[in-house]
Protein backbone atom coordinates (compact mmCIF):
# COMPACT_ATOMS: atom_id res chain seq x y z
CA MET A 1 92.95 129.92 146.00
CA LYS A 2 92.77 133.13 144.01
CA LYS A 3 90.00 135.64 144.65
CA THR A 4 87.41 135.71 141.86
CA PRO A 5 87.87 138.84 139.75
CA LYS A 6 85.13 141.43 139.37
CA SER A 7 82.39 140.14 137.09
CA TYR A 8 81.21 142.09 134.07
CA LEU A 9 78.55 139.54 133.10
CA PRO A 10 74.98 139.65 134.35
CA ALA A 11 74.12 136.42 136.22
CA GLU A 12 71.63 135.25 133.59
CA GLU A 13 74.11 135.74 130.73
CA ARG A 14 76.86 134.04 132.74
CA GLU A 15 74.64 131.00 133.37
CA ALA A 16 73.76 130.75 129.66
CA ILE A 17 77.43 130.92 128.66
CA LEU A 18 78.32 128.32 131.29
CA ARG A 19 75.65 125.95 129.94
CA GLU A 20 76.70 126.49 126.33
CA GLY A 21 80.49 126.45 126.61
CA GLY A 22 81.66 125.62 130.11
CA MET A 23 83.65 127.56 132.65
CA ASN A 24 86.59 128.23 130.36
CA LEU A 25 84.30 130.16 128.01
CA VAL A 26 82.98 132.15 130.98
CA TYR A 27 86.57 133.12 131.84
CA LEU A 28 87.29 134.20 128.27
CA ILE A 29 84.13 136.27 127.90
CA GLU A 30 84.57 137.86 131.34
CA SER A 31 88.09 138.82 130.25
CA GLN A 32 86.78 140.32 127.02
CA LYS A 33 84.03 142.27 128.81
CA ALA A 34 86.49 143.62 131.39
CA GLY A 35 88.86 144.71 128.62
CA LYS A 36 86.06 146.48 126.75
CA ALA A 37 85.18 148.26 130.00
CA GLY A 38 88.77 149.50 130.24
CA ASP A 39 89.60 147.31 133.24
CA GLU A 40 92.81 145.74 131.95
CA GLU A 41 93.88 144.33 135.31
CA THR A 42 90.61 142.43 135.70
CA ALA A 43 90.73 141.29 132.07
CA TRP A 44 94.10 139.64 132.69
CA ALA A 45 92.90 138.23 136.02
CA TRP A 46 90.03 136.44 134.25
CA LEU A 47 92.36 135.21 131.52
CA ALA A 48 94.72 133.83 134.18
CA LEU A 49 91.92 131.45 135.22
CA ALA A 50 91.44 130.08 131.70
CA ASP A 51 93.01 127.04 130.10
CA ILE A 52 95.04 128.58 127.29
CA PRO A 53 96.45 126.34 124.53
CA ALA A 54 100.23 125.86 124.41
CA TYR A 55 100.62 127.64 121.06
CA SER A 56 98.74 130.68 122.39
CA LEU A 57 100.98 130.81 125.45
CA MET A 58 104.04 130.66 123.18
CA ALA A 59 102.65 133.52 121.07
CA CYS A 60 102.00 135.51 124.24
CA LYS A 61 105.60 134.92 125.31
CA ASP A 62 106.84 136.07 121.90
CA VAL A 63 104.76 139.26 122.00
CA LEU A 64 104.63 140.19 125.69
CA GLY A 65 107.55 138.28 127.21
CA ALA A 66 107.99 135.63 129.88
CA ASP A 67 108.00 138.12 132.73
CA PHE A 68 104.58 139.38 131.70
CA ILE A 69 103.16 135.85 131.68
CA ARG A 70 104.49 135.37 135.20
CA LYS A 71 103.27 138.78 136.37
CA VAL A 72 99.67 138.23 135.30
CA GLY A 73 99.72 134.61 136.43
CA LEU A 74 98.75 132.82 133.24
CA ARG A 75 98.50 129.06 133.70
CA THR A 76 101.39 127.51 131.79
CA ALA A 77 100.72 123.78 132.28
CA PRO A 78 99.69 123.17 128.63
CA ALA A 79 102.91 124.77 127.33
CA ASP A 80 104.99 123.01 130.00
CA ALA A 81 103.65 119.69 128.69
CA ALA A 82 104.08 120.63 125.01
CA TYR A 83 107.46 122.38 125.10
CA GLY A 84 109.08 121.10 128.29
CA PRO A 85 109.23 122.59 131.78
CA GLY A 86 111.82 125.26 130.90
CA TRP A 87 110.11 126.70 127.82
CA LEU A 88 109.32 130.03 129.43
CA ASP A 89 113.01 130.68 130.14
CA GLN A 90 114.27 129.63 126.69
CA PRO A 91 115.27 132.30 124.16
CA LEU A 92 112.50 133.59 121.91
CA ARG A 93 111.76 131.67 118.77
CA GLN A 94 113.27 132.90 115.54
CA THR A 95 110.76 133.63 112.78
CA ALA A 96 111.37 133.48 109.07
CA GLY A 97 111.60 136.71 107.22
């Protein structure tokens, strides 16, 4: 199991977010707070815990590359299910224009 990244949320705020939106929202807001604090490594570590939609993972691959997704440890199960198990190693999508 991965070590929990450094938290940037006060306990009371974290509990309120958890009640309102669940753990995935906590991960996303922790990531945002870490990024705003200039702690990019921790921001990506929090994001790696989140359930990210398949289309967002594909966009991340297009912008940052497959190796980056692997390096930061983003969870790829949603995209594996949507695009097939080898999607991360397929050539980048071609866009119109």
